[in-house]
Each structure stands twice: as structure tokens, then as C-alpha cells.
Amino acid sequence: MLFNKIICLSIAMLIITMVETKEVSRTKRQAELPAGFQCSLCDRCNKPCKSECQKCAGCDLIKALNLPPEQAKLYGAGDCDTFCKDGVAGCVATCEAAEEGCKFCQYC
């Protein structure tokens, strides 16, 4: 009977230790992110800048037709208000500059 209680207590302590270690590990990983890092953009890291930024070419057409930016996405254009605001070349430059930040995505 005493042996069973010791075993149960040992298992409970082991589980608590594992949970605490996992939480400390997650907190430590998130502390390694640079200030202002946006984990939501990590899905763009595995896509080549030049091919992704070609979608910005549609923004010129959207502007010429005086369509709202929300409709740009319906026509396959990129994000005309942010990444594409400086055209394809601006998008590529921004994308390539941001690629170094992709190494932090493992901490998200």
C-alpha cells in the first residue's frame, strides 16, 4: 500500500516537472524573438521573393481601374497597400531584406 502511494506520488511529480519544463522552454523561445517580430508572416518564408512579388503587378491594373484594394486579392494581385505599395521591385527588395528574419520563425 505504501509502495503504491510512493509510485503515484513519483509519477505525479514527474508529470508536473515535465509540464513546467515545457512552459519554461516555450517562454524562453518566445523571449528570443526580436521586438516587433510578426510570426504571422512566417508562412511567406518558404516562397521565392521574385515569384511572390510578381503578384504586385496586378496592383497597377487595379489602380488604373480605380478598384478598391480589397478587390485586388480577388483578382490574384498581391497586398497592394503594404508589400506592393512600391511595385514589384520594392516588394522584392523588402522581401529579400526580410528573409534573414525567417530564422526566427522556429521560435514562434
N, C-alpha and C. Protein backbone atom coordinates (compact mmCIF):
# COMPACT_ATOMS: atom_id res chain seq x y z
N MET A 1 0.81 -1.18 0.00
CA MET A 1 0.00 0.00 0.00
C MET A 1 0.87 1.26 0.00
N LEU A 2 1.84 1.30 0.86
CA LEU A 2 2.75 2.45 0.92
C LEU A 2 3.55 2.55 -0.37
N PHE A 3 3.92 1.42 -0.91
CA PHE A 3 4.67 1.40 -2.16
C PHE A 3 3.84 2.00 -3.30
N ASN A 4 2.55 1.69 -3.37
CA ASN A 4 1.66 2.24 -4.40
C ASN A 4 1.56 3.77 -4.28
N LYS A 5 1.47 4.27 -3.03
CA LYS A 5 1.39 5.71 -2.83
C LYS A 5 2.67 6.40 -3.28
N ILE A 6 3.79 5.79 -3.00
CA ILE A 6 5.09 6.36 -3.41
C ILE A 6 5.19 6.39 -4.94
N ILE A 7 4.76 5.34 -5.59
CA ILE A 7 4.78 5.27 -7.06
C ILE A 7 3.88 6.35 -7.64
N CYS A 8 2.66 6.48 -7.12
CA CYS A 8 1.72 7.50 -7.62
C CYS A 8 2.27 8.90 -7.40
N LEU A 9 2.85 9.16 -6.26
CA LEU A 9 3.43 10.47 -5.97
C LEU A 9 4.60 10.75 -6.91
N SER A 10 5.42 9.76 -7.15
CA SER A 10 6.56 9.93 -8.06
C SER A 10 6.11 10.24 -9.48
N ILE A 11 5.09 9.55 -9.94
CA ILE A 11 4.56 9.80 -11.29
C ILE A 11 3.97 11.20 -11.37
N ALA A 12 3.23 11.61 -10.35
CA ALA A 12 2.65 12.95 -10.34
C ALA A 12 3.73 14.02 -10.38
N MET A 13 4.79 13.84 -9.62
CA MET A 13 5.90 14.82 -9.60
C MET A 13 6.60 14.85 -10.96
N LEU A 14 6.74 13.71 -11.58
CA LEU A 14 7.37 13.65 -12.90
C LEU A 14 6.55 14.41 -13.93
N ILE A 15 5.24 14.23 -13.91
CA ILE A 15 4.35 14.92 -14.85
C ILE A 15 4.40 16.43 -14.63
N ILE A 16 4.35 16.85 -13.38
CA ILE A 16 4.41 18.29 -13.07
C ILE A 16 5.72 18.88 -13.56
N THR A 17 6.81 18.18 -13.35
CA THR A 17 8.13 18.65 -13.80
C THR A 17 8.17 18.76 -15.31
N MET A 18 7.60 17.81 -16.03
CA MET A 18 7.59 17.85 -17.49
C MET A 18 6.79 19.03 -18.00
N VAL A 19 5.63 19.31 -17.40
CA VAL A 19 4.78 20.42 -17.81
C VAL A 19 5.50 21.75 -17.56
N GLU A 20 6.12 21.90 -16.40
CA GLU A 20 6.85 23.13 -16.09
C GLU A 20 8.01 23.34 -17.06
N THR A 21 8.72 22.28 -17.39
CA THR A 21 9.84 22.38 -18.32
C THR A 21 9.36 22.82 -19.69
N LYS A 22 8.24 22.29 -20.13
CA LYS A 22 7.70 22.66 -21.44
C LYS A 22 7.31 24.13 -21.46
N GLU A 23 6.68 24.63 -20.41
CA GLU A 23 6.26 26.03 -20.34
C GLU A 23 7.47 26.96 -20.29
N VAL A 24 8.48 26.61 -19.53
CA VAL A 24 9.70 27.43 -19.46
C VAL A 24 10.37 27.45 -20.82
N SER A 25 10.40 26.32 -21.49
CA SER A 25 11.01 26.23 -22.81
C SER A 25 10.29 27.12 -23.81
N ARG A 26 8.96 27.11 -23.81
CA ARG A 26 8.17 27.93 -24.73
C ARG A 26 8.39 29.41 -24.44
N THR A 27 8.40 29.77 -23.17
CA THR A 27 8.62 31.16 -22.79
C THR A 27 10.01 31.61 -23.20
N LYS A 28 10.99 30.75 -23.02
CA LYS A 28 12.37 31.10 -23.40
C LYS A 28 12.47 31.29 -24.91
N ARG A 29 11.82 30.42 -25.69
CA ARG A 29 11.86 30.55 -27.15
C ARG A 29 11.24 31.86 -27.59
N GLN A 30 10.10 32.22 -27.02
CA GLN A 30 9.43 33.45 -27.41
C GLN A 30 10.23 34.67 -26.98
N ALA A 31 11.01 34.57 -25.92
CA ALA A 31 11.85 35.69 -25.48
C ALA A 31 12.98 35.93 -26.47
N GLU A 32 13.32 34.94 -27.29
CA GLU A 32 14.41 35.07 -28.26
C GLU A 32 13.97 35.79 -29.53
N LEU A 33 12.68 36.06 -29.67
CA LEU A 33 12.19 36.78 -30.85
C LEU A 33 12.56 38.26 -30.75
N PRO A 34 12.97 38.86 -31.85
CA PRO A 34 13.26 40.30 -31.82
C PRO A 34 11.98 41.10 -31.59
N ALA A 35 12.14 42.29 -31.06
CA ALA A 35 10.98 43.14 -30.81
C ALA A 35 10.25 43.43 -32.12
N GLY A 36 8.94 43.32 -32.09
CA GLY A 36 8.13 43.62 -33.27
C GLY A 36 8.08 42.51 -34.30
N PHE A 37 8.66 41.36 -34.02
CA PHE A 37 8.65 40.25 -34.98
C PHE A 37 7.23 39.74 -35.15
N GLN A 38 6.82 39.55 -36.40
CA GLN A 38 5.46 39.10 -36.70
C GLN A 38 5.47 37.65 -37.15
N CYS A 39 5.11 36.77 -36.25
CA CYS A 39 5.07 35.34 -36.57
C CYS A 39 4.06 35.03 -37.67
N SER A 40 3.07 35.88 -37.84
CA SER A 40 2.05 35.64 -38.85
C SER A 40 2.61 35.72 -40.28
N LEU A 41 3.79 36.30 -40.44
CA LEU A 41 4.39 36.41 -41.77
C LEU A 41 5.32 35.24 -42.09
N CYS A 42 5.49 34.33 -41.16
CA CYS A 42 6.41 33.21 -41.37
C CYS A 42 5.98 32.30 -42.52
N ASP A 43 4.69 32.29 -42.84
CA ASP A 43 4.24 31.43 -43.94
C ASP A 43 4.78 31.91 -45.29
N ARG A 44 5.31 33.11 -45.36
CA ARG A 44 5.89 33.64 -46.60
C ARG A 44 7.36 33.26 -46.76
N CYS A 45 7.95 32.70 -45.73
CA CYS A 45 9.40 32.45 -45.74
C CYS A 45 9.84 31.39 -46.74
N ASN A 46 9.01 30.45 -47.04
CA ASN A 46 9.41 29.37 -47.94
C ASN A 46 9.06 29.63 -49.39
N LYS A 47 8.67 30.86 -49.69
CA LYS A 47 8.27 31.20 -51.06
C LYS A 47 9.30 32.16 -51.66
N PRO A 48 9.73 31.93 -52.89
CA PRO A 48 10.70 32.82 -53.52
C PRO A 48 10.15 34.24 -53.67
N CYS A 49 10.96 35.22 -53.32
CA CYS A 49 10.52 36.62 -53.36
C CYS A 49 10.07 37.04 -54.75
N LYS A 50 10.84 36.70 -55.77
CA LYS A 50 10.52 37.20 -57.11
C LYS A 50 9.18 36.67 -57.61
N SER A 51 8.90 35.42 -57.36
CA SER A 51 7.63 34.88 -57.85
C SER A 51 6.45 35.40 -57.03
N GLU A 52 6.64 35.55 -55.72
CA GLU A 52 5.57 36.08 -54.88
C GLU A 52 5.29 37.54 -55.22
N CYS A 53 6.34 38.30 -55.48
CA CYS A 53 6.18 39.74 -55.74
C CYS A 53 5.64 40.01 -57.14
N GLN A 54 5.65 39.03 -58.02
CA GLN A 54 5.05 39.24 -59.34
C GLN A 54 3.55 39.50 -59.22
N LYS A 55 2.97 39.06 -58.11
CA LYS A 55 1.55 39.32 -57.88
C LYS A 55 1.27 40.82 -57.74
N CYS A 56 2.30 41.59 -57.40
CA CYS A 56 2.15 43.04 -57.25
C CYS A 56 1.89 43.72 -58.59
N ALA A 57 2.22 43.08 -59.68
CA ALA A 57 1.99 43.67 -61.00
C ALA A 57 0.51 43.96 -61.21
N GLY A 58 -0.34 43.17 -60.61
CA GLY A 58 -1.78 43.38 -60.73
C GLY A 58 -2.26 44.64 -60.03
N CYS A 59 -1.47 45.16 -59.09
CA CYS A 59 -1.87 46.36 -58.36
C CYS A 59 -1.93 47.58 -59.28
N ASP A 60 -1.03 47.64 -60.26
CA ASP A 60 -1.07 48.76 -61.21
C ASP A 60 -2.39 48.74 -61.98
N LEU A 61 -2.81 47.56 -62.37
CA LEU A 61 -4.08 47.43 -63.09
C LEU A 61 -5.25 47.80 -62.19
N ILE A 62 -5.21 47.34 -60.97
CA ILE A 62 -6.27 47.65 -60.01
C ILE A 62 -6.38 49.17 -59.82
N LYS A 63 -5.23 49.83 -59.70
CA LYS A 63 -5.23 51.30 -59.53
C LYS A 63 -5.75 51.99 -60.79
N ALA A 64 -5.35 51.48 -61.95
CA ALA A 64 -5.80 52.10 -63.20
C ALA A 64 -7.31 51.98 -63.38
N LEU A 65 -7.89 50.90 -62.87
CA LEU A 65 -9.32 50.69 -62.97
C LEU A 65 -10.10 51.30 -61.80
N ASN A 66 -9.35 51.94 -60.88
CA ASN A 66 -9.94 52.57 -59.70
C ASN A 66 -10.78 51.61 -58.86
N LEU A 67 -10.30 50.38 -58.76
CA LEU A 67 -10.98 49.40 -57.91
C LEU A 67 -10.43 49.51 -56.49
N PRO A 68 -11.25 49.20 -55.48
CA PRO A 68 -10.74 49.22 -54.10
C PRO A 68 -9.69 48.14 -53.89
N PRO A 69 -8.72 48.39 -53.00
CA PRO A 69 -7.64 47.42 -52.75
C PRO A 69 -8.13 46.04 -52.33
N GLU A 70 -9.31 45.99 -51.68
CA GLU A 70 -9.83 44.69 -51.25
C GLU A 70 -10.09 43.77 -52.44
N GLN A 71 -10.44 44.37 -53.58
CA GLN A 71 -10.73 43.57 -54.76
C GLN A 71 -9.46 43.06 -55.44
N ALA A 72 -8.33 43.64 -55.08
CA ALA A 72 -7.06 43.21 -55.67
C ALA A 72 -6.82 41.72 -55.40
N LYS A 73 -7.14 41.30 -54.20
CA LYS A 73 -6.92 39.89 -53.84
C LYS A 73 -7.84 38.97 -54.62
N LEU A 74 -9.02 39.46 -54.97
CA LEU A 74 -9.95 38.66 -55.76
C LEU A 74 -9.39 38.38 -57.15
N TYR A 75 -8.59 39.31 -57.65
CA TYR A 75 -8.00 39.15 -58.99
C TYR A 75 -6.59 38.57 -58.95
N GLY A 76 -6.16 38.12 -57.79
CA GLY A 76 -4.85 37.48 -57.67
C GLY A 76 -3.70 38.44 -57.48
N ALA A 77 -4.00 39.72 -57.30
CA ALA A 77 -2.93 40.69 -57.05
C ALA A 77 -2.45 40.54 -55.62
N GLY A 78 -1.28 41.06 -55.37
CA GLY A 78 -0.71 40.99 -54.02
C GLY A 78 -1.37 41.98 -53.09
N ASP A 79 -0.78 42.17 -51.95
CA ASP A 79 -1.29 43.10 -50.96
C ASP A 79 -0.86 44.51 -51.36
N CYS A 80 -1.71 45.21 -52.07
CA CYS A 80 -1.37 46.49 -52.70
C CYS A 80 -1.05 47.60 -51.72
N ASP A 81 -1.60 47.53 -50.52
CA ASP A 81 -1.40 48.61 -49.55
C ASP A 81 -0.11 48.47 -48.75
N THR A 82 0.43 47.28 -48.65
CA THR A 82 1.62 47.11 -47.82
C THR A 82 2.81 46.64 -48.64
N PHE A 83 2.86 45.36 -48.94
CA PHE A 83 4.04 44.80 -49.61
C PHE A 83 4.22 45.32 -51.04
N CYS A 84 3.15 45.64 -51.69
CA CYS A 84 3.22 46.04 -53.10
C CYS A 84 3.16 47.55 -53.31
N LYS A 85 3.18 48.32 -52.25
CA LYS A 85 2.99 49.76 -52.40
C LYS A 85 4.11 50.41 -53.23
N ASP A 86 5.29 49.80 -53.29
CA ASP A 86 6.40 50.32 -54.09
C ASP A 86 6.63 49.50 -55.36
N GLY A 87 5.62 48.79 -55.80
CA GLY A 87 5.72 48.00 -57.01
C GLY A 87 6.46 46.69 -56.80
N VAL A 88 6.69 45.98 -57.90
CA VAL A 88 7.34 44.67 -57.85
C VAL A 88 8.75 44.80 -57.29
N ALA A 89 9.50 45.79 -57.78
CA ALA A 89 10.89 45.95 -57.33
C ALA A 89 10.96 46.27 -55.84
N GLY A 90 10.04 47.11 -55.37
CA GLY A 90 10.01 47.44 -53.95
C GLY A 90 9.66 46.24 -53.09
N CYS A 91 8.74 45.44 -53.60
CA CYS A 91 8.35 44.23 -52.90
C CYS A 91 9.52 43.25 -52.79
N VAL A 92 10.24 43.06 -53.90
CA VAL A 92 11.38 42.14 -53.90
C VAL A 92 12.45 42.63 -52.92
N ALA A 93 12.72 43.93 -52.93
CA ALA A 93 13.73 44.47 -52.01
C ALA A 93 13.32 44.27 -50.55
N THR A 94 12.06 44.54 -50.25
CA THR A 94 11.55 44.35 -48.89
C THR A 94 11.59 42.89 -48.49
N CYS A 95 11.18 42.03 -49.41
CA CYS A 95 11.15 40.59 -49.15
C CYS A 95 12.54 40.04 -48.90
N GLU A 96 13.49 40.41 -49.75
CA GLU A 96 14.85 39.90 -49.59
C GLU A 96 15.49 40.42 -48.30
N ALA A 97 15.18 41.66 -47.93
CA ALA A 97 15.70 42.21 -46.68
C ALA A 97 15.11 41.48 -45.47
N ALA A 98 13.88 41.03 -45.61
CA ALA A 98 13.19 40.36 -44.50
C ALA A 98 13.52 38.87 -44.40
N GLU A 99 14.14 38.29 -45.43
CA GLU A 99 14.41 36.85 -45.43
C GLU A 99 15.29 36.43 -44.26
N GLU A 100 16.17 37.31 -43.81
CA GLU A 100 17.04 36.96 -42.69
C GLU A 100 16.22 36.70 -41.43
N GLY A 101 15.09 37.39 -41.31
CA GLY A 101 14.23 37.20 -40.16
C GLY A 101 13.55 35.84 -40.11
N CYS A 102 13.56 35.12 -41.21
CA CYS A 102 12.91 33.82 -41.25
C CYS A 102 13.54 32.83 -40.28
N LYS A 103 14.78 33.06 -39.91
CA LYS A 103 15.43 32.15 -38.97
C LYS A 103 14.77 32.19 -37.60
N PHE A 104 14.02 33.26 -37.31
CA PHE A 104 13.35 33.38 -36.02
C PHE A 104 12.00 32.67 -35.99
N CYS A 105 11.53 32.23 -37.15
CA CYS A 105 10.21 31.58 -37.22
C CYS A 105 10.18 30.29 -36.41
N GLN A 106 11.31 29.68 -36.18
CA GLN A 106 11.33 28.46 -35.39
C GLN A 106 10.94 28.70 -33.93
N TYR A 107 10.98 29.95 -33.49
CA TYR A 107 10.64 30.29 -32.11
C TYR A 107 9.18 30.69 -31.94
N CYS A 108 8.43 30.73 -33.03
CA CYS A 108 7.02 31.13 -32.95
C CYS A 108 6.15 29.99 -32.43
